[in-house]
Structure formats: C-alpha cells, structure tokens
Amino acid sequence: MLKSNRENAKKRFSKVRFSCDIHRVLTDTSIHLTEETMPQFTVNPNRFDPYKNFKFKIKWDGKYVAGVSKMSPLSRETEVIQFRNGGDPSSSRKSPGKTEYAPITLERGVTHDTEFEKWANKVWNYGSALGMEVSLKDFRKDIIIELCNEAGQVAIAYKVYRCWVSEYTALPDLDANANAVAIQHIKLENEGWERDYTVTEPTEPTFSEPPQ
C-alpha cells in the first residue's frame, strides 16, 4: 500500500514538472519572438498609434496647393501572365507582367485659387489658337504627397512622376435644396511613384501646461 502511494506521488510530480517545463518553453519562445519584432516607431518608441489619414499636404511647382481636402489612394497593380507547357500539371505558371499606376484624384472646395484650373488648361485650353491648345512644354508635373502626424510634422512623403490632368471638374452638381460645400476635382494620370527616404520619422513634440 505504501509502495503504491509512492508510485502515484512520483507520477503526479512528473506530470507537474512536465507541465512546468512546457510552460517555461512557451514563455521563453514568446519572449524571444517579442524581442525579434521590428519596432514600428524608432525615434518615438512611446508611440503605438499608426498615422491618421486626415493630415496631409500636396505640393507641385515648389509650393503647397491650398485647400486640398481629399485624395484617392496611392496604388499600383501588376498584371499576372499565366503560362503552361503541354506536359505541366493542370495548373498555370504565373509571372509578373506590366505594372500600371492608378490615377490620383484630388478634391478641394471651390475658391478663387486657380491652381487646378491652370494645370487642367495646360492639357487642353478651349479657345486657343489652332495648334496652341496644349502646352506641350510643361503640361506634365512631378508632385509630392506629404503625410503628417497629429502635430503637423511631415512623417512620410512620396514623389509622383510625370503627372498630367486627364479629368477636371470645375463645378459640382448645384442644388438649391442642398447644404454642402461646392467641390472641384482633378484626376492625375502618372507614370510611377516612389517613397522619399530622405524624409524620416520626426521627433514628436512634448510640453507641460501650465509650466512648472
């Protein structure tokens, strides 16, 4: 009877020790994986929130464009080429084909600023003399898109190349019973973009109010 109790106690102790060993291995693995994770914000390690989508600026011709309130996504898509040999399995091989950059749409309220209109008129200006409807020398522009943090500091920037206006809306639908801002927009065709890596994570401001 005493021998049986000792054997049962040894079995229970072995199970507890095995369970503790497994817990220790899993805990050590979790700590190791946490340590290997790349930090999302290196300059501001106390920040965990991704940047918001409501603070941004658009620049062309070396100056910021006033009043831009909305921009479509910055995206590109690569076509998929499918191919197979006669002796291949009943599935296709895939390889990358042409890459197309999506147009960028900019919106802003109607004001007396004429930047949208001036650029659109360089692509086609109604009423110009024959052969002078298009400003071939400078109807394309490079633009810069800047994403800012909540403090208005530039955090990320992209350069977009060889843009031109393919669509211009000077006035929106007008409705005597509506209650909204009049919006104009341009659609910019482009031939590619890249991130500006000279723009790095800014040191975020701090203050105490009232001062001590």
Protein backbone atom coordinates (compact mmCIF):
# COMPACT_ATOMS: atom_id res chain seq x y z
CA MET A 1 0.00 0.00 0.00
CA LEU A 2 2.81 2.41 0.92
CA LYS A 3 4.71 1.48 -2.24
CA SER A 4 1.63 2.17 -4.38
CA ASN A 5 1.17 5.61 -2.81
CA ARG A 6 4.80 6.48 -3.51
CA GLU A 7 4.48 5.46 -7.17
CA ASN A 8 1.32 7.55 -7.58
CA ALA A 9 3.05 10.54 -5.99
CA LYS A 10 6.01 10.17 -8.38
CA LYS A 11 3.66 10.10 -11.36
CA ARG A 12 1.84 13.24 -10.20
CA PHE A 13 5.19 15.01 -9.62
CA SER A 14 6.41 14.02 -13.12
CA LYS A 15 3.24 15.45 -14.70
CA VAL A 16 3.57 18.71 -12.79
CA ARG A 17 7.25 19.01 -13.73
CA PHE A 18 6.47 18.27 -17.40
CA SER A 19 3.72 20.90 -17.39
CA CYS A 20 6.07 23.47 -15.85
CA ASP A 21 8.76 22.68 -18.43
CA ILE A 22 6.29 23.16 -21.31
CA HIS A 23 5.10 26.46 -19.83
CA ARG A 24 8.70 27.64 -19.48
CA VAL A 25 9.50 26.75 -23.11
CA LEU A 26 6.40 28.53 -24.41
CA THR A 27 7.11 31.60 -22.27
CA ASP A 28 10.74 31.76 -23.42
CA THR A 29 9.65 31.38 -27.06
CA SER A 30 7.08 34.17 -26.67
CA ILE A 31 9.70 36.48 -25.14
CA HIS A 32 12.14 35.63 -27.94
CA LEU A 33 9.54 36.39 -30.64
CA THR A 34 8.65 39.67 -28.92
CA GLU A 35 12.29 40.68 -28.83
CA GLU A 36 12.70 39.90 -32.53
CA THR A 37 9.76 42.08 -33.61
CA MET A 38 10.82 45.16 -35.58
CA PRO A 39 9.81 48.39 -33.80
CA GLN A 40 7.18 50.40 -35.65
CA PHE A 41 8.46 53.76 -34.40
CA THR A 42 12.20 54.01 -33.70
CA VAL A 43 12.52 57.74 -32.95
CA ASN A 44 9.37 57.83 -30.79
CA PRO A 45 9.29 54.45 -29.02
CA ASN A 46 6.35 55.51 -26.83
CA ARG A 47 4.12 55.89 -29.89
CA PHE A 48 1.99 52.90 -30.87
CA ASP A 49 -0.74 54.53 -32.99
CA PRO A 50 -0.47 54.41 -36.80
CA TYR A 51 -0.61 57.74 -38.60
CA LYS A 52 -4.05 59.13 -39.36
CA ASN A 53 -5.40 59.84 -42.85
CA PHE A 54 -6.69 63.39 -42.23
CA LYS A 55 -3.44 65.39 -42.14
CA PHE A 56 -1.64 65.67 -45.49
CA LYS A 57 -0.26 68.22 -47.95
CA ILE A 58 0.19 68.26 -51.73
CA LYS A 59 2.98 70.16 -53.45
CA TRP A 60 3.84 70.96 -57.06
CA ASP A 61 5.92 73.66 -58.73
CA GLY A 62 7.74 74.03 -55.42
CA LYS A 63 4.73 75.23 -53.41
CA TYR A 64 1.87 73.72 -51.45
CA VAL A 65 -1.55 73.65 -53.10
CA ALA A 66 -4.17 75.35 -50.95
CA GLY A 67 -7.36 73.73 -49.78
CA VAL A 68 -6.94 70.08 -50.87
CA SER A 69 -9.37 68.12 -48.69
CA LYS A 70 -9.36 64.64 -50.21
CA MET A 71 -7.04 62.38 -52.20
CA SER A 72 -7.67 58.96 -53.69
CA PRO A 73 -5.40 56.04 -52.70
CA LEU A 74 -1.84 55.81 -53.98
CA SER A 75 -1.82 52.41 -55.63
CA ARG A 76 -0.35 50.31 -58.41
CA GLU A 77 -1.20 46.95 -59.92
CA THR A 78 0.95 44.42 -61.75
CA GLU A 79 -0.72 42.23 -64.35
CA VAL A 80 -0.33 38.47 -63.99
CA ILE A 81 0.90 36.49 -67.01
CA GLN A 82 -0.23 32.87 -66.99
CA PHE A 83 1.64 30.22 -68.95
CA ARG A 84 1.97 26.46 -69.04
CA ASN A 85 3.67 23.77 -71.05
CA GLY A 86 1.72 20.90 -72.53
CA GLY A 87 3.25 18.44 -70.07
CA ASP A 88 2.63 20.57 -66.98
CA PRO A 89 0.08 19.67 -64.32
CA SER A 90 -3.42 21.07 -64.81
CA SER A 91 -2.50 24.48 -63.44
CA SER A 92 -0.74 27.56 -64.78
CA ARG A 93 2.59 29.12 -64.01
CA LYS A 94 2.40 32.80 -63.09
CA SER A 95 4.84 35.64 -63.65
CA PRO A 96 4.64 39.43 -63.34
CA GLY A 97 3.70 41.47 -66.38
CA LYS A 98 3.10 45.19 -66.89
CA THR A 99 2.68 47.43 -63.87
CA GLU A 100 0.07 50.18 -64.03
CA TYR A 101 -0.13 53.14 -61.65
CA ALA A 102 -3.65 54.19 -60.73
CA PRO A 103 -4.74 57.78 -61.37
CA ILE A 104 -4.78 60.13 -58.38
CA THR A 105 -7.88 62.23 -57.73
CA LEU A 106 -7.59 65.45 -55.74
CA GLU A 107 -10.59 67.33 -54.35
CA ARG A 108 -10.99 70.74 -52.78
CA GLY A 109 -13.63 73.38 -52.19
CA VAL A 110 -14.30 75.94 -54.90
CA THR A 111 -12.45 79.20 -54.17
CA HIS A 112 -10.65 81.89 -56.17
CA ASP A 113 -7.40 79.87 -56.20
CA THR A 114 -6.80 78.76 -59.81
CA GLU A 115 -4.12 76.05 -59.44
CA PHE A 116 -6.43 73.20 -60.54
CA GLU A 117 -7.76 75.19 -63.48
CA LYS A 118 -4.35 76.39 -64.68
CA TRP A 119 -2.95 72.87 -64.76
CA ALA A 120 -6.03 71.47 -66.50
CA ASN A 121 -5.84 74.21 -69.13
CA LYS A 122 -2.29 73.18 -70.00
CA VAL A 123 -3.64 69.88 -71.29
CA TRP A 124 -6.48 71.49 -73.26
CA ASN A 125 -7.39 75.16 -73.37
CA TYR A 126 -10.62 75.92 -75.21
CA GLY A 127 -10.46 78.98 -77.44
CA SER A 128 -6.70 78.96 -78.00
CA ALA A 129 -5.30 79.37 -81.49
CA LEU A 130 -5.03 76.31 -83.70
CA GLY A 131 -2.04 74.23 -82.57
CA MET A 132 -1.80 76.12 -79.26
CA GLU A 133 -4.48 74.23 -77.34
CA VAL A 134 -1.91 72.11 -75.44
CA SER A 135 1.06 73.49 -73.51
CA LEU A 136 3.38 70.68 -74.58
CA LYS A 137 6.40 72.12 -72.78
CA ASP A 138 5.02 71.86 -69.25
CA PHE A 139 1.68 70.05 -69.12
CA ARG A 140 3.37 67.31 -67.05
CA LYS A 141 4.44 67.93 -63.48
CA ASP A 142 6.00 65.98 -60.64
CA ILE A 143 4.11 66.24 -57.38
CA ILE A 144 4.94 65.49 -53.75
CA ILE A 145 2.49 63.95 -51.28
CA GLU A 146 3.26 64.50 -47.60
CA LEU A 147 1.57 62.60 -44.79
CA CYS A 148 1.78 64.40 -41.44
CA ASN A 149 1.39 63.36 -37.83
CA GLU A 150 -1.13 64.93 -35.48
CA ALA A 151 1.27 67.80 -34.74
CA GLY A 152 1.54 68.65 -38.45
CA GLN A 153 5.11 67.32 -38.81
CA VAL A 154 5.89 65.61 -42.12
CA ALA A 155 6.26 61.91 -41.35
CA ILE A 156 6.16 60.20 -44.78
CA ALA A 157 6.46 61.59 -48.31
CA TYR A 158 6.04 60.20 -51.82
CA LYS A 159 7.22 61.60 -55.15
CA VAL A 160 4.85 61.07 -58.08
CA TYR A 161 6.31 61.47 -61.56
CA ARG A 162 5.09 62.81 -64.93
CA CYS A 163 1.56 63.69 -63.85
CA TRP A 164 -1.00 65.37 -66.10
CA VAL A 165 -4.69 66.22 -65.76
CA SER A 166 -6.99 63.80 -67.56
CA GLU A 167 -10.20 64.98 -65.90
CA TYR A 168 -11.21 68.33 -64.43
CA THR A 169 -14.48 69.16 -62.70
CA ALA A 170 -14.75 72.92 -62.29
CA LEU A 171 -18.15 72.88 -60.55
CA PRO A 172 -20.12 70.07 -58.91
CA ASP A 173 -23.85 69.41 -59.13
CA LEU A 174 -25.65 72.54 -57.99
CA ASP A 175 -28.83 72.10 -55.96
CA ALA A 176 -30.92 74.89 -54.44
CA ASN A 177 -32.12 72.48 -51.74
CA ALA A 178 -28.69 71.18 -50.78
CA ASN A 179 -26.47 72.29 -47.91
CA ALA A 180 -22.87 71.37 -48.78
CA VAL A 181 -19.54 72.78 -49.89
CA ALA A 182 -19.04 73.09 -53.66
CA ILE A 183 -16.23 70.70 -54.61
CA GLN A 184 -13.94 70.73 -57.66
CA HIS A 185 -11.55 67.94 -58.54
CA ILE A 186 -8.80 66.88 -60.93
CA LYS A 187 -7.69 63.40 -61.91
CA LEU A 188 -3.94 63.00 -62.38
CA GLU A 189 -2.52 60.32 -64.63
CA ASN A 190 1.01 59.38 -63.63
CA GLU A 191 3.85 57.10 -64.67
CA GLY A 192 5.12 55.99 -61.29
CA TRP A 193 5.90 56.99 -57.72
CA GLU A 194 8.42 56.24 -55.02
CA ARG A 195 8.84 56.94 -51.34
CA ASP A 196 11.16 59.81 -50.40
CA TYR A 197 13.52 58.17 -47.92
CA THR A 198 15.17 61.48 -47.06
CA VAL A 199 12.00 62.18 -45.04
CA THR A 200 12.47 60.32 -41.76
CA GLU A 201 10.41 59.89 -38.62
CA PRO A 202 10.25 63.27 -36.83
CA THR A 203 10.87 63.75 -33.12
CA GLU A 204 7.41 64.38 -31.74
CA PRO A 205 6.89 67.46 -29.55
CA THR A 206 6.19 67.46 -25.82
CA PHE A 207 5.17 70.22 -23.42
CA SER A 208 3.79 70.89 -19.95
CA GLU A 209 0.88 73.28 -19.43
CA PRO A 210 0.78 75.19 -17.17
CA PRO A 211 4.58 75.43 -16.95
CA GLN A 212 6.09 74.32 -13.66
